[in-house]
Amino acid sequence: MLELDRITATKTARLAEDCHKKFTLSDEVKNAIADTNREVFVPAGFRHSAYKLDALPMGASQWISSPLTVAKMTQYLEPKGADRVLEVGCGSGYQAAVLSHIFRGVFTIERIESLMLEAKSRFRKLNINNIHTRTDDGQNGWIQYAPYDRILFSATAKEIPAKLFEQLSDGGVLVAPMQKGSKQVIMRFKKNGSSIKSEELEECDFVPVLDGVQK
């Protein structure tokens, strides 16, 4: 991975601290935010807002999640000791880049081909080599590399497909924003043998998971 230049490193360190003030982060997650150059993932016209705790618009009518949301979702995964993570909804690639500092293998799926091509070029630019990408409907998971210690949805699901729980390792954790009536709630699922325990974490606002692939 490319080392951050001094000015960027100062900005990302401050960003990590701002997130930490709002939501207590482990050192591991805080460092991952501090080590990720957010400017690379933000559309050119929004560079001045790259280090604010706001979601920002990007291509294909999608949004790049706020850094605080990315930090929270990463923390909710309970990543300590986990090796491989599957992300459903790569988007700009920022969340995957943060995960790449913590997990040995990051497997990320995006259904919109243009977004995936842009994300891949950002990973190359930053010299991140442990992110594996796929253009597909993320609700299918990625059976070839299963099981995963952690699975993260970066878009709101109405339900979690059974095949994704099948691709989660025993003792694994799946975190997803889910539609509950008129609100969205971040849910955490833990797999223990054949049983799945779930807990509600907090209300949220994500773009929805959509079916199929968009060329």
N, C-alpha and C. Protein backbone atom coordinates (compact mmCIF):
# COMPACT_ATOMS: atom_id res chain seq x y z
N MET A 1 0.83 -1.20 0.00
CA MET A 1 0.00 0.00 0.00
C MET A 1 0.87 1.25 0.00
N LEU A 2 0.37 2.29 -0.65
CA LEU A 2 1.12 3.54 -0.68
C LEU A 2 1.06 4.23 0.68
N GLU A 3 2.20 4.76 1.10
CA GLU A 3 2.23 5.56 2.32
C GLU A 3 1.50 6.88 2.04
N LEU A 4 0.79 7.40 3.02
CA LEU A 4 0.14 8.70 2.86
C LEU A 4 1.20 9.80 2.97
N ASP A 5 1.03 10.88 2.16
CA ASP A 5 1.92 12.02 2.35
C ASP A 5 1.55 12.73 3.66
N ARG A 6 2.42 13.61 4.12
CA ARG A 6 2.25 14.14 5.48
C ARG A 6 0.94 14.92 5.65
N ILE A 7 0.58 15.73 4.64
CA ILE A 7 -0.64 16.54 4.74
C ILE A 7 -1.87 15.64 4.77
N THR A 8 -1.91 14.65 3.88
CA THR A 8 -3.06 13.72 3.85
C THR A 8 -3.13 12.93 5.15
N ALA A 9 -1.98 12.49 5.64
CA ALA A 9 -1.94 11.71 6.88
C ALA A 9 -2.50 12.53 8.06
N THR A 10 -2.20 13.83 8.07
CA THR A 10 -2.73 14.71 9.13
C THR A 10 -4.25 14.78 9.02
N LYS A 11 -4.76 14.92 7.79
CA LYS A 11 -6.21 15.02 7.58
C LYS A 11 -6.92 13.72 7.95
N THR A 12 -6.36 12.59 7.52
CA THR A 12 -7.03 11.31 7.81
C THR A 12 -6.97 10.97 9.30
N ALA A 13 -5.87 11.37 9.96
CA ALA A 13 -5.75 11.15 11.41
C ALA A 13 -6.82 11.97 12.14
N ARG A 14 -7.02 13.20 11.68
CA ARG A 14 -8.05 14.05 12.30
C ARG A 14 -9.44 13.47 12.05
N LEU A 15 -9.65 12.96 10.83
CA LEU A 15 -10.92 12.34 10.48
C LEU A 15 -11.21 11.14 11.41
N ALA A 16 -10.19 10.31 11.62
CA ALA A 16 -10.35 9.14 12.49
C ALA A 16 -10.69 9.59 13.92
N GLU A 17 -10.05 10.67 14.35
CA GLU A 17 -10.31 11.20 15.71
C GLU A 17 -11.73 11.75 15.80
N ASP A 18 -12.19 12.45 14.74
CA ASP A 18 -13.57 12.98 14.72
C ASP A 18 -14.59 11.85 14.81
N CYS A 19 -14.33 10.75 14.08
CA CYS A 19 -15.23 9.58 14.14
C CYS A 19 -15.23 8.99 15.55
N HIS A 20 -14.04 8.88 16.11
CA HIS A 20 -13.87 8.27 17.43
C HIS A 20 -14.60 9.07 18.53
N LYS A 21 -14.63 10.40 18.37
CA LYS A 21 -15.33 11.25 19.35
C LYS A 21 -16.83 10.98 19.32
N LYS A 22 -17.35 10.66 18.14
CA LYS A 22 -18.80 10.43 17.98
C LYS A 22 -19.18 8.99 18.33
N PHE A 23 -18.23 8.07 18.14
CA PHE A 23 -18.54 6.65 18.30
C PHE A 23 -17.23 5.93 18.64
N THR A 24 -17.18 5.33 19.81
CA THR A 24 -15.90 4.75 20.28
C THR A 24 -15.42 3.64 19.35
N LEU A 25 -14.20 3.82 18.84
CA LEU A 25 -13.61 2.86 17.91
C LEU A 25 -12.45 2.14 18.57
N SER A 26 -12.24 0.89 18.18
CA SER A 26 -11.03 0.18 18.61
C SER A 26 -9.85 0.82 17.90
N ASP A 27 -8.64 0.62 18.44
CA ASP A 27 -7.44 1.17 17.79
C ASP A 27 -7.31 0.66 16.36
N GLU A 28 -7.67 -0.61 16.18
CA GLU A 28 -7.57 -1.26 14.86
C GLU A 28 -8.42 -0.52 13.82
N VAL A 29 -9.65 -0.22 14.19
CA VAL A 29 -10.57 0.46 13.26
C VAL A 29 -10.16 1.92 13.08
N LYS A 30 -9.80 2.55 14.17
CA LYS A 30 -9.37 3.96 14.11
C LYS A 30 -8.15 4.11 13.18
N ASN A 31 -7.19 3.20 13.31
CA ASN A 31 -6.00 3.24 12.47
C ASN A 31 -6.34 2.98 11.00
N ALA A 32 -7.31 2.10 10.77
CA ALA A 32 -7.70 1.80 9.38
C ALA A 32 -8.30 3.04 8.71
N ILE A 33 -9.10 3.81 9.46
CA ILE A 33 -9.64 5.06 8.92
C ILE A 33 -8.49 6.05 8.67
N ALA A 34 -7.58 6.14 9.64
CA ALA A 34 -6.45 7.07 9.53
C ALA A 34 -5.50 6.71 8.39
N ASP A 35 -5.46 5.44 8.02
CA ASP A 35 -4.53 4.97 6.98
C ASP A 35 -5.14 4.97 5.57
N THR A 36 -6.41 5.40 5.45
CA THR A 36 -7.09 5.35 4.14
C THR A 36 -7.28 6.75 3.58
N ASN A 37 -6.76 6.97 2.38
CA ASN A 37 -6.86 8.28 1.72
C ASN A 37 -8.26 8.47 1.16
N ARG A 38 -9.10 9.18 1.91
CA ARG A 38 -10.50 9.32 1.50
C ARG A 38 -10.65 10.16 0.23
N GLU A 39 -9.75 11.10 0.04
CA GLU A 39 -9.88 11.99 -1.14
C GLU A 39 -9.94 11.23 -2.45
N VAL A 40 -9.22 10.12 -2.51
CA VAL A 40 -9.17 9.32 -3.75
C VAL A 40 -10.56 8.78 -4.12
N PHE A 41 -11.42 8.59 -3.11
CA PHE A 41 -12.72 7.93 -3.33
C PHE A 41 -13.87 8.92 -3.55
N VAL A 42 -13.56 10.20 -3.41
CA VAL A 42 -14.59 11.24 -3.48
C VAL A 42 -14.56 11.88 -4.86
N PRO A 43 -15.73 12.15 -5.49
CA PRO A 43 -15.72 12.82 -6.80
C PRO A 43 -14.95 14.14 -6.73
N ALA A 44 -14.29 14.49 -7.84
CA ALA A 44 -13.38 15.65 -7.86
C ALA A 44 -14.02 16.91 -7.30
N GLY A 45 -15.27 17.16 -7.63
CA GLY A 45 -15.94 18.38 -7.17
C GLY A 45 -16.20 18.44 -5.68
N PHE A 46 -15.99 17.31 -4.99
CA PHE A 46 -16.29 17.26 -3.55
C PHE A 46 -15.04 17.06 -2.70
N ARG A 47 -13.85 17.24 -3.31
CA ARG A 47 -12.61 17.01 -2.56
C ARG A 47 -12.56 17.84 -1.29
N HIS A 48 -13.10 19.07 -1.37
CA HIS A 48 -13.07 19.97 -0.20
C HIS A 48 -13.90 19.40 0.95
N SER A 49 -14.83 18.49 0.65
CA SER A 49 -15.68 17.91 1.70
C SER A 49 -15.24 16.50 2.10
N ALA A 50 -14.11 16.05 1.56
CA ALA A 50 -13.69 14.65 1.76
C ALA A 50 -13.55 14.28 3.23
N TYR A 51 -13.18 15.24 4.06
CA TYR A 51 -12.88 14.91 5.46
C TYR A 51 -13.98 15.35 6.42
N LYS A 52 -15.14 15.71 5.86
CA LYS A 52 -16.29 16.00 6.72
C LYS A 52 -17.01 14.68 6.99
N LEU A 53 -17.80 14.66 8.07
CA LEU A 53 -18.50 13.41 8.42
C LEU A 53 -19.83 13.30 7.67
N ASP A 54 -19.80 13.56 6.37
CA ASP A 54 -21.02 13.55 5.57
C ASP A 54 -20.94 12.49 4.47
N ALA A 55 -22.11 11.96 4.12
CA ALA A 55 -22.20 11.15 2.89
C ALA A 55 -22.10 12.11 1.71
N LEU A 56 -21.54 11.65 0.59
CA LEU A 56 -21.39 12.51 -0.59
C LEU A 56 -21.90 11.78 -1.83
N PRO A 57 -22.50 12.52 -2.78
CA PRO A 57 -22.98 11.88 -4.00
C PRO A 57 -21.82 11.43 -4.88
N MET A 58 -22.03 10.34 -5.63
CA MET A 58 -21.03 9.92 -6.62
C MET A 58 -21.79 9.43 -7.85
N GLY A 59 -21.12 8.73 -8.75
CA GLY A 59 -21.74 8.33 -10.01
C GLY A 59 -22.89 7.33 -9.84
N ALA A 60 -23.66 7.16 -10.92
CA ALA A 60 -24.73 6.15 -11.00
C ALA A 60 -25.78 6.32 -9.90
N SER A 61 -26.05 7.58 -9.54
CA SER A 61 -27.07 7.91 -8.52
C SER A 61 -26.81 7.22 -7.18
N GLN A 62 -25.53 6.98 -6.87
CA GLN A 62 -25.17 6.32 -5.62
C GLN A 62 -24.52 7.35 -4.68
N TRP A 63 -24.25 6.90 -3.46
CA TRP A 63 -23.62 7.76 -2.46
C TRP A 63 -22.41 7.07 -1.88
N ILE A 64 -21.39 7.87 -1.55
CA ILE A 64 -20.27 7.34 -0.77
C ILE A 64 -20.63 7.60 0.70
N SER A 65 -20.66 6.53 1.49
CA SER A 65 -21.07 6.64 2.88
C SER A 65 -20.19 7.63 3.64
N SER A 66 -20.76 8.22 4.68
CA SER A 66 -19.95 9.11 5.51
C SER A 66 -18.85 8.29 6.19
N PRO A 67 -17.71 8.92 6.48
CA PRO A 67 -16.63 8.20 7.15
C PRO A 67 -17.07 7.63 8.49
N LEU A 68 -17.97 8.34 9.16
CA LEU A 68 -18.46 7.85 10.45
C LEU A 68 -19.24 6.55 10.28
N THR A 69 -20.07 6.49 9.24
CA THR A 69 -20.84 5.27 8.97
C THR A 69 -19.90 4.11 8.65
N VAL A 70 -18.88 4.38 7.83
CA VAL A 70 -17.91 3.34 7.47
C VAL A 70 -17.18 2.85 8.72
N ALA A 71 -16.79 3.79 9.58
CA ALA A 71 -16.11 3.42 10.83
C ALA A 71 -17.01 2.56 11.72
N LYS A 72 -18.27 2.97 11.84
CA LYS A 72 -19.23 2.21 12.67
C LYS A 72 -19.45 0.80 12.12
N MET A 73 -19.69 0.70 10.81
CA MET A 73 -19.96 -0.60 10.20
C MET A 73 -18.76 -1.53 10.39
N THR A 74 -17.56 -0.96 10.27
CA THR A 74 -16.34 -1.75 10.46
C THR A 74 -16.24 -2.22 11.90
N GLN A 75 -16.53 -1.33 12.84
CA GLN A 75 -16.50 -1.68 14.26
C GLN A 75 -17.55 -2.74 14.59
N TYR A 76 -18.75 -2.59 14.02
CA TYR A 76 -19.84 -3.54 14.27
C TYR A 76 -19.52 -4.96 13.79
N LEU A 77 -18.60 -5.06 12.82
CA LEU A 77 -18.20 -6.38 12.31
C LEU A 77 -17.41 -7.19 13.36
N GLU A 78 -16.94 -6.48 14.41
CA GLU A 78 -16.07 -7.12 15.41
C GLU A 78 -14.91 -7.83 14.70
N PRO A 79 -14.08 -7.05 14.00
CA PRO A 79 -13.11 -7.67 13.09
C PRO A 79 -11.94 -8.37 13.74
N LYS A 80 -11.73 -8.17 15.02
CA LYS A 80 -10.54 -8.72 15.67
C LYS A 80 -10.45 -10.24 15.45
N GLY A 81 -9.31 -10.68 14.93
CA GLY A 81 -9.09 -12.12 14.75
C GLY A 81 -9.71 -12.70 13.50
N ALA A 82 -10.47 -11.89 12.75
CA ALA A 82 -11.09 -12.39 11.52
C ALA A 82 -10.13 -12.19 10.34
N ASP A 83 -10.22 -13.07 9.37
CA ASP A 83 -9.23 -13.15 8.30
C ASP A 83 -9.79 -12.66 6.96
N ARG A 84 -11.04 -13.07 6.66
CA ARG A 84 -11.61 -12.80 5.34
C ARG A 84 -12.99 -12.18 5.48
N VAL A 85 -13.23 -11.14 4.67
CA VAL A 85 -14.52 -10.45 4.73
C VAL A 85 -15.09 -10.33 3.32
N LEU A 86 -16.40 -10.52 3.22
CA LEU A 86 -17.13 -10.32 1.96
C LEU A 86 -17.96 -9.05 2.11
N GLU A 87 -17.83 -8.14 1.13
CA GLU A 87 -18.64 -6.92 1.14
C GLU A 87 -19.62 -6.96 -0.01
N VAL A 88 -20.89 -6.72 0.29
CA VAL A 88 -21.94 -6.63 -0.73
C VAL A 88 -22.22 -5.15 -0.98
N GLY A 89 -21.80 -4.65 -2.15
CA GLY A 89 -22.00 -3.24 -2.48
C GLY A 89 -20.71 -2.46 -2.35
N CYS A 90 -19.83 -2.57 -3.34
CA CYS A 90 -18.51 -1.93 -3.26
C CYS A 90 -18.61 -0.41 -3.38
N GLY A 91 -19.52 0.07 -4.24
CA GLY A 91 -19.66 1.52 -4.41
C GLY A 91 -18.35 2.17 -4.82
N SER A 92 -17.95 3.20 -4.08
CA SER A 92 -16.72 3.93 -4.41
C SER A 92 -15.47 3.11 -4.11
N GLY A 93 -15.63 2.11 -3.21
CA GLY A 93 -14.48 1.32 -2.78
C GLY A 93 -13.89 1.76 -1.45
N TYR A 94 -14.42 2.86 -0.89
CA TYR A 94 -13.84 3.39 0.35
C TYR A 94 -13.96 2.40 1.52
N GLN A 95 -15.14 1.81 1.67
CA GLN A 95 -15.31 0.84 2.77
C GLN A 95 -14.36 -0.34 2.60
N ALA A 96 -14.24 -0.85 1.38
CA ALA A 96 -13.33 -1.98 1.12
C ALA A 96 -11.89 -1.60 1.43
N ALA A 97 -11.51 -0.37 1.09
CA ALA A 97 -10.14 0.09 1.35
C ALA A 97 -9.86 0.13 2.85
N VAL A 98 -10.85 0.60 3.63
CA VAL A 98 -10.70 0.61 5.09
C VAL A 98 -10.56 -0.83 5.60
N LEU A 99 -11.40 -1.73 5.09
CA LEU A 99 -11.35 -3.14 5.52
C LEU A 99 -10.00 -3.78 5.16
N SER A 100 -9.40 -3.32 4.06
CA SER A 100 -8.15 -3.94 3.59
C SER A 100 -6.99 -3.75 4.58
N HIS A 101 -7.11 -2.77 5.47
CA HIS A 101 -6.07 -2.56 6.49
C HIS A 101 -6.22 -3.55 7.66
N ILE A 102 -7.40 -4.17 7.75
CA ILE A 102 -7.70 -5.01 8.92
C ILE A 102 -7.74 -6.49 8.55
N PHE A 103 -8.28 -6.81 7.38
CA PHE A 103 -8.46 -8.20 6.96
C PHE A 103 -7.38 -8.60 5.96
N ARG A 104 -7.00 -9.85 6.01
CA ARG A 104 -6.00 -10.34 5.05
C ARG A 104 -6.58 -10.39 3.65
N GLY A 105 -7.86 -10.80 3.55
CA GLY A 105 -8.53 -10.86 2.24
C GLY A 105 -9.87 -10.14 2.28
N VAL A 106 -10.07 -9.19 1.36
CA VAL A 106 -11.34 -8.48 1.23
C VAL A 106 -11.93 -8.86 -0.13
N PHE A 107 -13.16 -9.35 -0.11
CA PHE A 107 -13.85 -9.77 -1.34
C PHE A 107 -15.06 -8.87 -1.50
N THR A 108 -15.07 -8.04 -2.54
CA THR A 108 -16.14 -7.05 -2.65
C THR A 108 -16.87 -7.18 -3.99
N ILE A 109 -18.19 -7.08 -3.93
CA ILE A 109 -19.05 -7.27 -5.10
C ILE A 109 -19.83 -5.99 -5.36
N GLU A 110 -19.93 -5.61 -6.63
CA GLU A 110 -20.70 -4.43 -7.02
C GLU A 110 -21.52 -4.79 -8.26
N ARG A 111 -22.79 -4.39 -8.27
CA ARG A 111 -23.66 -4.73 -9.40
C ARG A 111 -23.58 -3.71 -10.54
N ILE A 112 -23.05 -2.51 -10.27
CA ILE A 112 -22.95 -1.49 -11.32
C ILE A 112 -21.53 -1.49 -11.87
N GLU A 113 -21.43 -1.93 -13.12
CA GLU A 113 -20.11 -2.19 -13.71
C GLU A 113 -19.20 -0.95 -13.69
N SER A 114 -19.77 0.22 -14.03
CA SER A 114 -18.94 1.45 -14.09
C SER A 114 -18.35 1.78 -12.72
N LEU A 115 -19.12 1.58 -11.65
CA LEU A 115 -18.60 1.85 -10.30
C LEU A 115 -17.46 0.89 -9.95
N MET A 116 -17.63 -0.37 -10.34
CA MET A 116 -16.59 -1.36 -10.03
C MET A 116 -15.29 -1.05 -10.77
N LEU A 117 -15.40 -0.62 -12.02
CA LEU A 117 -14.19 -0.27 -12.79
C LEU A 117 -13.47 0.91 -12.13
N GLU A 118 -14.24 1.90 -11.66
CA GLU A 118 -13.64 3.06 -10.99
C GLU A 118 -12.98 2.64 -9.68
N ALA A 119 -13.69 1.80 -8.91
CA ALA A 119 -13.14 1.35 -7.62
C ALA A 119 -11.83 0.59 -7.83
N LYS A 120 -11.82 -0.28 -8.86
CA LYS A 120 -10.60 -1.06 -9.12
C LYS A 120 -9.42 -0.16 -9.47
N SER A 121 -9.70 0.91 -10.23
CA SER A 121 -8.59 1.81 -10.59
C SER A 121 -8.09 2.55 -9.34
N ARG A 122 -8.99 2.84 -8.40
CA ARG A 122 -8.55 3.49 -7.14
C ARG A 122 -7.68 2.53 -6.32
N PHE A 123 -8.08 1.27 -6.26
CA PHE A 123 -7.28 0.29 -5.50
C PHE A 123 -5.88 0.17 -6.11
N ARG A 124 -5.83 0.18 -7.45
CA ARG A 124 -4.52 0.10 -8.13
C ARG A 124 -3.67 1.33 -7.82
N LYS A 125 -4.32 2.49 -7.89
CA LYS A 125 -3.61 3.75 -7.62
C LYS A 125 -3.01 3.76 -6.21
N LEU A 126 -3.75 3.19 -5.26
CA LEU A 126 -3.29 3.16 -3.86
C LEU A 126 -2.42 1.93 -3.58
N ASN A 127 -2.24 1.11 -4.61
CA ASN A 127 -1.40 -0.09 -4.48
C ASN A 127 -1.94 -1.05 -3.40
N ILE A 128 -3.27 -1.19 -3.36
CA ILE A 128 -3.90 -2.14 -2.42
C ILE A 128 -4.06 -3.47 -3.15
N ASN A 129 -3.41 -4.50 -2.64
CA ASN A 129 -3.37 -5.77 -3.37
C ASN A 129 -4.19 -6.90 -2.75
N ASN A 130 -4.86 -6.64 -1.64
CA ASN A 130 -5.60 -7.73 -0.98
C ASN A 130 -7.11 -7.59 -1.12
N ILE A 131 -7.56 -6.77 -2.10
CA ILE A 131 -8.99 -6.64 -2.38
C ILE A 131 -9.30 -7.37 -3.68
N HIS A 132 -10.25 -8.28 -3.62
CA HIS A 132 -10.67 -9.06 -4.80
C HIS A 132 -12.05 -8.54 -5.21
N THR A 133 -12.23 -8.23 -6.49
CA THR A 133 -13.47 -7.58 -6.94
C THR A 133 -14.26 -8.46 -7.90
N ARG A 134 -15.56 -8.22 -7.92
CA ARG A 134 -16.45 -8.98 -8.81
C ARG A 134 -17.67 -8.11 -9.15
N THR A 135 -18.04 -8.08 -10.42
CA THR A 135 -19.28 -7.41 -10.82
C THR A 135 -20.37 -8.47 -10.89
N ASP A 136 -21.35 -8.35 -9.99
CA ASP A 136 -22.40 -9.37 -9.90
C ASP A 136 -23.49 -8.83 -8.98
N ASP A 137 -24.59 -9.56 -8.89
CA ASP A 137 -25.62 -9.28 -7.89
C ASP A 137 -25.08 -9.83 -6.56
N GLY A 138 -24.76 -8.93 -5.65
CA GLY A 138 -24.13 -9.32 -4.39
C GLY A 138 -24.96 -10.25 -3.53
N GLN A 139 -26.26 -10.30 -3.82
CA GLN A 139 -27.12 -11.18 -3.02
C GLN A 139 -26.81 -12.66 -3.25
N ASN A 140 -26.02 -12.93 -4.31
CA ASN A 140 -25.58 -14.31 -4.56
C ASN A 140 -24.35 -14.66 -3.73
N GLY A 141 -23.72 -13.64 -3.13
CA GLY A 141 -22.46 -13.90 -2.45
C GLY A 141 -21.37 -14.23 -3.46
N TRP A 142 -20.34 -14.91 -2.98
CA TRP A 142 -19.20 -15.28 -3.85
C TRP A 142 -18.72 -16.64 -3.36
N ILE A 143 -19.39 -17.67 -3.83
CA ILE A 143 -19.24 -19.03 -3.29
C ILE A 143 -17.80 -19.55 -3.43
N GLN A 144 -17.13 -19.11 -4.49
CA GLN A 144 -15.79 -19.60 -4.81
C GLN A 144 -14.80 -19.44 -3.65
N TYR A 145 -14.94 -18.34 -2.89
CA TYR A 145 -13.99 -18.06 -1.81
C TYR A 145 -14.57 -18.26 -0.42
N ALA A 146 -15.81 -18.74 -0.35
CA ALA A 146 -16.46 -18.97 0.95
C ALA A 146 -15.76 -20.13 1.66
N PRO A 147 -15.85 -20.23 2.99
CA PRO A 147 -16.64 -19.33 3.86
C PRO A 147 -15.86 -18.07 4.25
N TYR A 148 -16.63 -17.05 4.66
CA TYR A 148 -16.06 -15.78 5.11
C TYR A 148 -16.26 -15.64 6.62
N ASP A 149 -15.27 -15.05 7.28
CA ASP A 149 -15.40 -14.81 8.72
C ASP A 149 -16.40 -13.69 9.00
N ARG A 150 -16.45 -12.75 8.07
CA ARG A 150 -17.35 -11.61 8.22
C ARG A 150 -17.99 -11.30 6.87
N ILE A 151 -19.26 -10.86 6.91
CA ILE A 151 -19.95 -10.38 5.70
C ILE A 151 -20.57 -9.03 6.04
N LEU A 152 -20.36 -8.05 5.15
CA LEU A 152 -20.87 -6.70 5.37
C LEU A 152 -21.72 -6.27 4.18
N PHE A 153 -22.93 -5.82 4.46
CA PHE A 153 -23.76 -5.19 3.42
C PHE A 153 -23.53 -3.68 3.48
N SER A 154 -23.18 -3.09 2.34
CA SER A 154 -23.04 -1.64 2.29
C SER A 154 -24.25 -1.01 1.60
N ALA A 155 -25.37 -1.74 1.58
CA ALA A 155 -26.64 -1.23 1.06
C ALA A 155 -27.75 -1.93 1.84
N THR A 156 -28.91 -1.28 1.88
CA THR A 156 -30.01 -1.80 2.71
C THR A 156 -30.72 -2.99 2.08
N ALA A 157 -30.86 -4.05 2.85
CA ALA A 157 -31.52 -5.27 2.38
C ALA A 157 -32.92 -5.37 2.99
N LYS A 158 -33.84 -5.96 2.23
CA LYS A 158 -35.16 -6.27 2.80
C LYS A 158 -35.05 -7.56 3.61
N GLU A 159 -34.23 -8.47 3.10
CA GLU A 159 -33.94 -9.70 3.84
C GLU A 159 -32.54 -10.17 3.45
N ILE A 160 -31.97 -11.04 4.28
CA ILE A 160 -30.64 -11.58 3.97
C ILE A 160 -30.83 -12.93 3.29
N PRO A 161 -30.37 -13.09 2.06
CA PRO A 161 -30.54 -14.38 1.37
C PRO A 161 -29.88 -15.52 2.16
N ALA A 162 -30.56 -16.66 2.21
CA ALA A 162 -30.05 -17.83 2.96
C ALA A 162 -28.65 -18.21 2.48
N LYS A 163 -28.38 -18.04 1.17
CA LYS A 163 -27.07 -18.47 0.64
C LYS A 163 -25.93 -17.65 1.24
N LEU A 164 -26.22 -16.43 1.70
CA LEU A 164 -25.16 -15.65 2.34
C LEU A 164 -24.84 -16.18 3.73
N PHE A 165 -25.86 -16.60 4.46
CA PHE A 165 -25.59 -17.24 5.76
C PHE A 165 -24.82 -18.55 5.57
N GLU A 166 -25.12 -19.24 4.45
CA GLU A 166 -24.39 -20.48 4.14
C GLU A 166 -22.91 -20.20 3.87
N GLN A 167 -22.61 -19.00 3.33
CA GLN A 167 -21.22 -18.64 3.01
C GLN A 167 -20.49 -18.00 4.20
N LEU A 168 -21.20 -17.88 5.32
CA LEU A 168 -20.59 -17.32 6.53
C LEU A 168 -20.02 -18.47 7.37
N SER A 169 -18.79 -18.30 7.84
CA SER A 169 -18.19 -19.39 8.61
C SER A 169 -18.86 -19.53 9.98
N ASP A 170 -18.71 -20.69 10.58
CA ASP A 170 -19.26 -20.91 11.92
C ASP A 170 -18.59 -19.93 12.88
N GLY A 171 -19.39 -19.24 13.69
CA GLY A 171 -18.85 -18.21 14.57
C GLY A 171 -18.71 -16.87 13.87
N GLY A 172 -19.13 -16.82 12.60
CA GLY A 172 -18.98 -15.60 11.80
C GLY A 172 -20.04 -14.56 12.13
N VAL A 173 -19.77 -13.33 11.67
CA VAL A 173 -20.66 -12.19 11.92
C VAL A 173 -21.05 -11.56 10.59
N LEU A 174 -22.34 -11.27 10.43
CA LEU A 174 -22.85 -10.56 9.25
C LEU A 174 -23.52 -9.28 9.74
N VAL A 175 -23.14 -8.16 9.16
CA VAL A 175 -23.73 -6.86 9.52
C VAL A 175 -24.40 -6.28 8.29
N ALA A 176 -25.64 -5.83 8.44
CA ALA A 176 -26.39 -5.30 7.31
C ALA A 176 -27.39 -4.25 7.75
N PRO A 177 -27.50 -3.15 7.00
CA PRO A 177 -28.64 -2.26 7.19
C PRO A 177 -29.87 -2.93 6.61
N MET A 178 -30.97 -2.93 7.35
CA MET A 178 -32.18 -3.62 6.88
C MET A 178 -33.40 -2.73 6.98
N GLN A 179 -34.30 -2.92 6.01
CA GLN A 179 -35.55 -2.16 6.01
C GLN A 179 -36.50 -2.78 7.04
N LYS A 180 -36.94 -1.97 8.00
CA LYS A 180 -37.91 -2.44 9.00
C LYS A 180 -39.07 -1.47 8.97
N GLY A 181 -40.14 -1.83 8.24
CA GLY A 181 -41.25 -0.88 8.09
C GLY A 181 -40.76 0.36 7.37
N SER A 182 -40.97 1.53 7.98
CA SER A 182 -40.58 2.78 7.31
C SER A 182 -39.15 3.20 7.65
N LYS A 183 -38.47 2.44 8.52
CA LYS A 183 -37.11 2.85 8.90
C LYS A 183 -36.08 1.80 8.50
N GLN A 184 -34.82 2.22 8.53
CA GLN A 184 -33.71 1.31 8.28
C GLN A 184 -32.94 1.12 9.59
N VAL A 185 -32.57 -0.11 9.84
CA VAL A 185 -31.87 -0.44 11.08
C VAL A 185 -30.63 -1.27 10.75
N ILE A 186 -29.50 -0.94 11.38
CA ILE A 186 -28.32 -1.79 11.22
C ILE A 186 -28.50 -3.02 12.11
N MET A 187 -28.43 -4.20 11.49
CA MET A 187 -28.60 -5.47 12.20
C MET A 187 -27.27 -6.23 12.22
N ARG A 188 -27.03 -6.94 13.31
CA ARG A 188 -25.85 -7.81 13.37
C ARG A 188 -26.32 -9.24 13.62
N PHE A 189 -25.85 -10.15 12.79
CA PHE A 189 -26.21 -11.57 12.91
C PHE A 189 -24.96 -12.37 13.26
N LYS A 190 -25.11 -13.30 14.19
CA LYS A 190 -23.98 -14.17 14.53
C LYS A 190 -24.41 -15.61 14.29
N LYS A 191 -23.53 -16.34 13.62
CA LYS A 191 -23.85 -17.72 13.25
C LYS A 191 -23.17 -18.68 14.22
N ASN A 192 -23.98 -19.57 14.77
CA ASN A 192 -23.43 -20.57 15.68
C ASN A 192 -24.01 -21.91 15.27
N GLY A 193 -23.21 -22.71 14.56
CA GLY A 193 -23.74 -23.97 14.02
C GLY A 193 -24.88 -23.67 13.07
N SER A 194 -26.06 -24.22 13.34
CA SER A 194 -27.19 -23.98 12.43
C SER A 194 -28.07 -22.84 12.92
N SER A 195 -27.71 -22.22 14.06
CA SER A 195 -28.57 -21.14 14.55
C SER A 195 -27.96 -19.77 14.24
N ILE A 196 -28.85 -18.80 13.99
CA ILE A 196 -28.43 -17.43 13.70
C ILE A 196 -29.07 -16.53 14.75
N LYS A 197 -28.24 -15.82 15.50
CA LYS A 197 -28.76 -14.85 16.47
C LYS A 197 -28.69 -13.46 15.85
N SER A 198 -29.73 -12.64 16.08
CA SER A 198 -29.70 -11.29 15.51
C SER A 198 -29.89 -10.24 16.59
N GLU A 199 -29.31 -9.06 16.35
CA GLU A 199 -29.53 -7.93 17.25
C GLU A 199 -29.63 -6.64 16.45
N GLU A 200 -30.50 -5.73 16.92
CA GLU A 200 -30.61 -4.41 16.30
C GLU A 200 -29.57 -3.49 16.92
N LEU A 201 -28.87 -2.73 16.10
CA LEU A 201 -27.82 -1.85 16.61
C LEU A 201 -28.24 -0.38 16.62
N GLU A 202 -28.66 0.14 15.47
CA GLU A 202 -29.11 1.54 15.45
C GLU A 202 -29.82 1.82 14.13
N GLU A 203 -30.56 2.92 14.10
CA GLU A 203 -31.21 3.35 12.86
C GLU A 203 -30.15 3.94 11.92
N CYS A 204 -30.44 3.89 10.61
CA CYS A 204 -29.44 4.32 9.63
C CYS A 204 -30.14 4.75 8.35
N ASP A 205 -29.35 5.11 7.35
CA ASP A 205 -29.90 5.50 6.05
C ASP A 205 -28.91 5.13 4.95
N PHE A 206 -29.22 4.05 4.22
CA PHE A 206 -28.36 3.57 3.13
C PHE A 206 -29.18 3.50 1.84
N VAL A 207 -28.47 3.42 0.69
CA VAL A 207 -29.19 3.14 -0.56
C VAL A 207 -29.62 1.67 -0.54
N PRO A 208 -30.71 1.33 -1.27
CA PRO A 208 -31.20 -0.05 -1.21
C PRO A 208 -30.38 -1.02 -2.04
N VAL A 209 -30.38 -2.30 -1.62
CA VAL A 209 -29.84 -3.38 -2.45
C VAL A 209 -30.80 -3.58 -3.63
N LEU A 210 -30.26 -3.64 -4.84
CA LEU A 210 -31.10 -3.89 -6.01
C LEU A 210 -30.69 -5.20 -6.67
N ASP A 211 -31.61 -5.78 -7.43
CA ASP A 211 -31.34 -7.07 -8.08
C ASP A 211 -30.57 -6.87 -9.39
N GLY A 212 -29.87 -7.91 -9.77
CA GLY A 212 -29.26 -7.94 -11.10
C GLY A 212 -28.00 -7.11 -11.21
N VAL A 213 -27.48 -7.05 -12.43
CA VAL A 213 -26.24 -6.30 -12.72
C VAL A 213 -26.57 -5.17 -13.68
N GLN A 214 -25.97 -4.01 -13.47
CA GLN A 214 -26.20 -2.85 -14.35
C GLN A 214 -24.93 -2.59 -15.14
N LYS A 215 -25.03 -2.74 -16.44
CA LYS A 215 -23.86 -2.54 -17.32
C LYS A 215 -23.70 -1.06 -17.64
